[in-house]
Amino acid sequence: MEKLIKEFRSWDKENRDLYMELEEHDSCLYDRFKPVYEVLSYLEEKISKKELEATEDLNRIFVVGLEYLSDQFQTVKLYLEMNFNNDLHEMLKYDFVISAILFIEDFRYELKEQRAKADEDVLEDLAEELETIVTTKSLIPDNFKLYVDAVIHKAIGDIELTFNGIIDIFQSIGDTLGIATCKEEEVLLGKDI
């Protein structure tokens, strides 16, 4: 576990500035990474202080979380560098599209894990279409989220599928550990008095 903690600390040192920039700009990419990051940070702190014993389950959580965070964050950094010339503000105009690309990647992995059949061509076409929006910096349609959702539903057809991606799993782990892994928004009903 010590090696994993060192790897996480190294990853954190290398990526913390970008992670915090995503938070400051209220990016959906930050929201995507937060559950995994918060759980790993919590475990790193508690295990390092010997307040939590390093078990096989915690080791597995750490391995999966660190691999996921590293891979997905690396993808975002590649988009930032290759498509936006390291201009974060320009990339943030497309963060929903990049997040959708990452979601499709997660979704395809989950389909494979569950041995569920879906129209892979439809998912591949959608991924390519989203990639094109980012690489050409095209306008994002107003109904973007609805469109992506409709295409995904078309790809899976009538399959009954329970999708529990890594983010969902880490939100659940965070809930179990008693840490906040997503932001709660206050909703005002009626007039503010």
C-alpha atoms as a PDB file:
ATOM      1  CA  MET A   1       0.000   0.000   0.000  1.00  0.00           C
ATOM      2  CA  GLU A   2       2.939   2.338   0.638  1.00  0.00           C
ATOM      3  CA  LYS A   3       3.850   2.210  -3.040  1.00  0.00           C
ATOM      4  CA  LEU A   4       0.288   3.138  -4.033  1.00  0.00           C
ATOM      5  CA  ILE A   5       0.231   6.025  -1.585  1.00  0.00           C
ATOM      6  CA  LYS A   6       3.516   7.312  -3.024  1.00  0.00           C
ATOM      7  CA  GLU A   7       2.100   6.995  -6.545  1.00  0.00           C
ATOM      8  CA  PHE A   8      -1.008   8.932  -5.531  1.00  0.00           C
ATOM      9  CA  ARG A   9       1.060  11.654  -3.869  1.00  0.00           C
ATOM     10  CA  SER A  10       3.169  11.921  -6.995  1.00  0.00           C
ATOM     11  CA  TRP A  11       0.065  12.052  -9.197  1.00  0.00           C
ATOM     12  CA  ASP A  12      -1.472  14.671  -6.920  1.00  0.00           C
ATOM     13  CA  LYS A  13       1.650  16.828  -6.963  1.00  0.00           C
ATOM     14  CA  GLU A  14       1.776  16.685 -10.762  1.00  0.00           C
ATOM     15  CA  ASN A  15      -1.941  17.297 -11.367  1.00  0.00           C
ATOM     16  CA  ARG A  16      -3.247  19.270  -8.402  1.00  0.00           C
ATOM     17  CA  ASP A  17      -3.017  22.673 -10.098  1.00  0.00           C
ATOM     18  CA  LEU A  18      -5.143  21.556 -13.034  1.00  0.00           C
ATOM     19  CA  TYR A  19      -7.561  19.754 -10.715  1.00  0.00           C
ATOM     20  CA  MET A  20      -8.001  22.924  -8.647  1.00  0.00           C
ATOM     21  CA  GLU A  21      -8.412  25.027 -11.801  1.00  0.00           C
ATOM     22  CA  LEU A  22     -11.231  22.725 -12.883  1.00  0.00           C
ATOM     23  CA  GLU A  23     -12.858  23.275  -9.490  1.00  0.00           C
ATOM     24  CA  GLU A  24     -12.420  27.052  -9.621  1.00  0.00           C
ATOM     25  CA  HIS A  25     -14.091  27.168 -13.017  1.00  0.00           C
ATOM     26  CA  ASP A  26     -16.934  24.901 -11.878  1.00  0.00           C
ATOM     27  CA  SER A  27     -16.120  22.432 -14.640  1.00  0.00           C
ATOM     28  CA  CYS A  28     -18.149  19.277 -15.070  1.00  0.00           C
ATOM     29  CA  LEU A  29     -14.782  17.528 -15.396  1.00  0.00           C
ATOM     30  CA  TYR A  30     -14.032  18.451 -11.788  1.00  0.00           C
ATOM     31  CA  ASP A  31     -17.380  16.976 -10.751  1.00  0.00           C
ATOM     32  CA  ARG A  32     -16.476  13.838 -12.670  1.00  0.00           C
ATOM     33  CA  PHE A  33     -13.118  13.375 -10.931  1.00  0.00           C
ATOM     34  CA  LYS A  34     -14.114  14.523  -7.448  1.00  0.00           C
ATOM     35  CA  PRO A  35     -15.578  11.259  -6.063  1.00  0.00           C
ATOM     36  CA  VAL A  36     -12.479   9.272  -6.973  1.00  0.00           C
ATOM     37  CA  TYR A  37     -10.058  11.993  -5.898  1.00  0.00           C
ATOM     38  CA  GLU A  38     -11.775  12.604  -2.555  1.00  0.00           C
ATOM     39  CA  VAL A  39     -11.872   8.903  -1.665  1.00  0.00           C
ATOM     40  CA  LEU A  40      -8.198   8.428  -2.555  1.00  0.00           C
ATOM     41  CA  SER A  41      -7.211  11.568  -0.609  1.00  0.00           C
ATOM     42  CA  TYR A  42      -9.163  10.404   2.418  1.00  0.00           C
ATOM     43  CA  LEU A  43      -7.650   6.919   2.322  1.00  0.00           C
ATOM     44  CA  GLU A  44      -4.144   8.299   1.781  1.00  0.00           C
ATOM     45  CA  GLU A  45      -4.486  10.540   4.827  1.00  0.00           C
ATOM     46  CA  LYS A  46      -6.085   7.961   7.130  1.00  0.00           C
ATOM     47  CA  ILE A  47      -3.736   5.126   6.195  1.00  0.00           C
ATOM     48  CA  SER A  48      -0.657   7.365   6.439  1.00  0.00           C
ATOM     49  CA  LYS A  49      -1.691   8.479   9.930  1.00  0.00           C
ATOM     50  CA  LYS A  50      -2.390   4.840  10.881  1.00  0.00           C
ATOM     51  CA  GLU A  51      -6.015   5.784  11.593  1.00  0.00           C
ATOM     52  CA  LEU A  52      -7.122   3.175   9.082  1.00  0.00           C
ATOM     53  CA  GLU A  53      -5.604  -0.230   8.495  1.00  0.00           C
ATOM     54  CA  ALA A  54      -4.521  -1.027   4.953  1.00  0.00           C
ATOM     55  CA  THR A  55      -6.686  -3.991   3.976  1.00  0.00           C
ATOM     56  CA  GLU A  56      -6.941  -5.933   0.748  1.00  0.00           C
ATOM     57  CA  ASP A  57     -10.251  -4.185  -0.026  1.00  0.00           C
ATOM     58  CA  LEU A  58      -8.749  -0.731   0.506  1.00  0.00           C
ATOM     59  CA  ASN A  59      -5.777  -1.731  -1.615  1.00  0.00           C
ATOM     60  CA  ARG A  60      -8.134  -2.724  -4.449  1.00  0.00           C
ATOM     61  CA  ILE A  61     -10.073   0.537  -4.095  1.00  0.00           C
ATOM     62  CA  PHE A  62      -6.809   2.442  -4.285  1.00  0.00           C
ATOM     63  CA  VAL A  63      -5.560   0.513  -7.328  1.00  0.00           C
ATOM     64  CA  VAL A  64      -8.803   0.939  -9.276  1.00  0.00           C
ATOM     65  CA  GLY A  65      -9.225   4.587  -8.295  1.00  0.00           C
ATOM     66  CA  LEU A  66      -5.674   5.616  -9.053  1.00  0.00           C
ATOM     67  CA  GLU A  67      -5.671   3.850 -12.413  1.00  0.00           C
ATOM     68  CA  TYR A  68      -8.996   5.413 -13.351  1.00  0.00           C
ATOM     69  CA  LEU A  69      -8.014   8.895 -12.225  1.00  0.00           C
ATOM     70  CA  SER A  70      -4.642   8.682 -13.974  1.00  0.00           C
ATOM     71  CA  ASP A  71      -6.083   7.448 -17.273  1.00  0.00           C
ATOM     72  CA  GLN A  72      -8.986   9.866 -17.428  1.00  0.00           C
ATOM     73  CA  PHE A  73      -6.956  12.849 -16.274  1.00  0.00           C
ATOM     74  CA  GLN A  74      -4.270  12.026 -18.830  1.00  0.00           C
ATOM     75  CA  THR A  75      -6.936  12.074 -21.535  1.00  0.00           C
ATOM     76  CA  VAL A  76      -8.071  15.525 -20.421  1.00  0.00           C
ATOM     77  CA  LYS A  77      -4.480  16.772 -20.363  1.00  0.00           C
ATOM     78  CA  LEU A  78      -3.972  15.466 -23.898  1.00  0.00           C
ATOM     79  CA  TYR A  79      -7.057  17.347 -25.097  1.00  0.00           C
ATOM     80  CA  LEU A  80      -5.808  20.462 -23.330  1.00  0.00           C
ATOM     81  CA  GLU A  81      -2.380  20.218 -24.917  1.00  0.00           C
ATOM     82  CA  MET A  82      -3.189  18.889 -28.384  1.00  0.00           C
ATOM     83  CA  ASN A  83      -6.479  20.630 -29.153  1.00  0.00           C
ATOM     84  CA  PHE A  84      -6.386  23.780 -27.060  1.00  0.00           C
ATOM     85  CA  ASN A  85      -2.686  24.623 -26.931  1.00  0.00           C
ATOM     86  CA  ASN A  86      -2.801  24.466 -23.105  1.00  0.00           C
ATOM     87  CA  ASP A  87      -5.480  27.177 -22.983  1.00  0.00           C
ATOM     88  CA  LEU A  88      -7.699  25.954 -20.170  1.00  0.00           C
ATOM     89  CA  HIS A  89     -10.359  28.590 -20.782  1.00  0.00           C
ATOM     90  CA  GLU A  90     -10.761  27.449 -24.378  1.00  0.00           C
ATOM     91  CA  MET A  91     -10.946  23.814 -23.316  1.00  0.00           C
ATOM     92  CA  LEU A  92     -13.585  24.591 -20.709  1.00  0.00           C
ATOM     93  CA  LYS A  93     -15.921  25.656 -23.513  1.00  0.00           C
ATOM     94  CA  TYR A  94     -15.897  21.963 -24.479  1.00  0.00           C
ATOM     95  CA  ASP A  95     -15.736  20.321 -21.061  1.00  0.00           C
ATOM     96  CA  PHE A  96     -19.240  18.850 -21.468  1.00  0.00           C
ATOM     97  CA  VAL A  97     -18.184  17.229 -24.725  1.00  0.00           C
ATOM     98  CA  ILE A  98     -14.960  15.861 -23.238  1.00  0.00           C
ATOM     99  CA  SER A  99     -16.908  14.573 -20.247  1.00  0.00           C
ATOM    100  CA  ALA A 100     -19.348  12.858 -22.627  1.00  0.00           C
ATOM    101  CA  ILE A 101     -16.441  11.219 -24.461  1.00  0.00           C
ATOM    102  CA  LEU A 102     -15.100   9.935 -21.141  1.00  0.00           C
ATOM    103  CA  PHE A 103     -18.586   8.747 -20.169  1.00  0.00           C
ATOM    104  CA  ILE A 104     -18.926   6.785 -23.408  1.00  0.00           C
ATOM    105  CA  GLU A 105     -15.571   5.160 -22.687  1.00  0.00           C
ATOM    106  CA  ASP A 106     -16.821   4.189 -19.208  1.00  0.00           C
ATOM    107  CA  PHE A 107     -20.125   2.994 -20.619  1.00  0.00           C
ATOM    108  CA  ARG A 108     -18.489   0.784 -23.229  1.00  0.00           C
ATOM    109  CA  TYR A 109     -16.279  -0.745 -20.551  1.00  0.00           C
ATOM    110  CA  GLU A 110     -19.320  -1.445 -18.374  1.00  0.00           C
ATOM    111  CA  LEU A 111     -21.165  -3.034 -21.304  1.00  0.00           C
ATOM    112  CA  LYS A 112     -18.214  -5.347 -21.833  1.00  0.00           C
ATOM    113  CA  GLU A 113     -18.036  -6.169 -18.111  1.00  0.00           C
ATOM    114  CA  GLN A 114     -21.737  -7.048 -18.028  1.00  0.00           C
ATOM    115  CA  ARG A 115     -21.502  -8.893 -21.352  1.00  0.00           C
ATOM    116  CA  ALA A 116     -24.382  -6.754 -22.554  1.00  0.00           C
ATOM    117  CA  LYS A 117     -24.928  -6.389 -26.255  1.00  0.00           C
ATOM    118  CA  ALA A 118     -25.272  -2.933 -27.705  1.00  0.00           C
ATOM    119  CA  ASP A 119     -24.874  -1.462 -31.145  1.00  0.00           C
ATOM    120  CA  GLU A 120     -21.151  -0.803 -30.958  1.00  0.00           C
ATOM    121  CA  ASP A 121     -21.205   0.994 -34.322  1.00  0.00           C
ATOM    122  CA  VAL A 122     -23.649   3.578 -32.958  1.00  0.00           C
ATOM    123  CA  LEU A 123     -21.467   4.153 -29.891  1.00  0.00           C
ATOM    124  CA  GLU A 124     -18.332   4.384 -32.034  1.00  0.00           C
ATOM    125  CA  ASP A 125     -20.004   6.876 -34.384  1.00  0.00           C
ATOM    126  CA  LEU A 126     -21.098   8.970 -31.407  1.00  0.00           C
ATOM    127  CA  ALA A 127     -17.594   8.934 -29.926  1.00  0.00           C
ATOM    128  CA  GLU A 128     -16.141  10.004 -33.275  1.00  0.00           C
ATOM    129  CA  GLU A 129     -18.756  12.734 -33.661  1.00  0.00           C
ATOM    130  CA  LEU A 130     -17.945  14.120 -30.217  1.00  0.00           C
ATOM    131  CA  GLU A 131     -14.240  13.876 -30.919  1.00  0.00           C
ATOM    132  CA  THR A 132     -14.785  15.892 -34.104  1.00  0.00           C
ATOM    133  CA  ILE A 133     -16.630  18.607 -32.179  1.00  0.00           C
ATOM    134  CA  VAL A 134     -13.610  18.959 -29.894  1.00  0.00           C
ATOM    135  CA  THR A 135     -10.896  18.733 -32.537  1.00  0.00           C
ATOM    136  CA  THR A 136     -12.596  21.174 -34.912  1.00  0.00           C
ATOM    137  CA  LYS A 137     -13.925  23.347 -32.077  1.00  0.00           C
ATOM    138  CA  SER A 138     -17.384  23.211 -33.625  1.00  0.00           C
ATOM    139  CA  LEU A 139     -20.447  24.756 -32.072  1.00  0.00           C
ATOM    140  CA  ILE A 140     -22.049  22.585 -29.430  1.00  0.00           C
ATOM    141  CA  PRO A 141     -25.754  22.058 -30.130  1.00  0.00           C
ATOM    142  CA  ASP A 142     -28.170  23.472 -27.541  1.00  0.00           C
ATOM    143  CA  ASN A 143     -29.697  20.050 -27.005  1.00  0.00           C
ATOM    144  CA  PHE A 144     -26.306  18.354 -26.656  1.00  0.00           C
ATOM    145  CA  LYS A 145     -27.062  16.324 -23.517  1.00  0.00           C
ATOM    146  CA  LEU A 146     -30.419  15.150 -24.855  1.00  0.00           C
ATOM    147  CA  TYR A 147     -28.816  14.177 -28.145  1.00  0.00           C
ATOM    148  CA  VAL A 148     -26.052  12.136 -26.487  1.00  0.00           C
ATOM    149  CA  ASP A 149     -28.605  10.454 -24.226  1.00  0.00           C
ATOM    150  CA  ALA A 150     -30.858   9.592 -27.185  1.00  0.00           C
ATOM    151  CA  VAL A 151     -27.990   8.072 -29.174  1.00  0.00           C
ATOM    152  CA  ILE A 152     -26.883   5.981 -26.192  1.00  0.00           C
ATOM    153  CA  HIS A 153     -30.452   4.735 -25.733  1.00  0.00           C
ATOM    154  CA  LYS A 154     -30.575   3.899 -29.434  1.00  0.00           C
ATOM    155  CA  ALA A 155     -27.356   1.897 -29.062  1.00  0.00           C
ATOM    156  CA  ILE A 156     -28.610  -0.185 -26.146  1.00  0.00           C
ATOM    157  CA  GLY A 157     -32.140  -0.640 -27.450  1.00  0.00           C
ATOM    158  CA  ASP A 158     -34.377  -2.562 -25.063  1.00  0.00           C
ATOM    159  CA  ILE A 159     -31.554  -3.932 -22.930  1.00  0.00           C
ATOM    160  CA  GLU A 160     -32.208  -3.670 -19.216  1.00  0.00           C
ATOM    161  CA  LEU A 161     -28.940  -2.461 -17.835  1.00  0.00           C
ATOM    162  CA  THR A 162     -27.820  -1.219 -14.466  1.00  0.00           C
ATOM    163  CA  PHE A 163     -24.909   1.097 -15.069  1.00  0.00           C
ATOM    164  CA  ASN A 164     -22.665   1.476 -12.054  1.00  0.00           C
ATOM    165  CA  GLY A 165     -19.547   3.114 -13.334  1.00  0.00           C
ATOM    166  CA  ILE A 166     -16.409   3.866 -11.364  1.00  0.00           C
ATOM    167  CA  ILE A 167     -17.721   7.306 -10.425  1.00  0.00           C
ATOM    168  CA  ASP A 168     -20.923   5.816  -8.977  1.00  0.00           C
ATOM    169  CA  ILE A 169     -18.935   3.208  -7.085  1.00  0.00           C
ATOM    170  CA  PHE A 170     -16.620   5.834  -5.614  1.00  0.00           C
ATOM    171  CA  GLN A 171     -19.567   8.031  -4.638  1.00  0.00           C
ATOM    172  CA  SER A 172     -20.954   5.044  -2.762  1.00  0.00           C
ATOM    173  CA  ILE A 173     -17.577   4.387  -1.124  1.00  0.00           C
ATOM    174  CA  GLY A 174     -17.401   8.061  -0.152  1.00  0.00           C
ATOM    175  CA  ASP A 175     -20.872   7.859   1.384  1.00  0.00           C
ATOM    176  CA  THR A 176     -19.811   4.782   3.350  1.00  0.00           C
ATOM    177  CA  LEU A 177     -16.686   6.580   4.578  1.00  0.00           C
ATOM    178  CA  GLY A 178     -18.724   9.676   5.445  1.00  0.00           C
ATOM    179  CA  ILE A 179     -17.000  12.049   3.036  1.00  0.00           C
ATOM    180  CA  ALA A 180     -18.611  14.464   0.605  1.00  0.00           C
ATOM    181  CA  THR A 181     -17.933  13.352  -2.951  1.00  0.00           C
ATOM    182  CA  CYS A 182     -20.383  15.586  -4.769  1.00  0.00           C
ATOM    183  CA  LYS A 183     -21.611  19.073  -4.198  1.00  0.00           C
ATOM    184  CA  GLU A 184     -25.085  19.611  -2.924  1.00  0.00           C
ATOM    185  CA  GLU A 185     -26.923  22.574  -4.279  1.00  0.00           C
ATOM    186  CA  GLU A 186     -29.429  24.431  -2.189  1.00  0.00           C
ATOM    187  CA  VAL A 187     -32.755  24.856  -3.890  1.00  0.00           C
ATOM    188  CA  LEU A 188     -35.024  27.682  -2.857  1.00  0.00           C
ATOM    189  CA  LEU A 189     -38.725  27.055  -3.222  1.00  0.00           C
ATOM    190  CA  GLY A 190     -40.868  30.135  -2.946  1.00  0.00           C
ATOM    191  CA  LYS A 191     -39.549  33.525  -1.930  1.00  0.00           C
ATOM    192  CA  ASP A 192     -36.365  34.177  -0.037  1.00  0.00           C
ATOM    193  CA  ILE A 193     -37.392  36.094   3.066  1.00  0.00           C
END
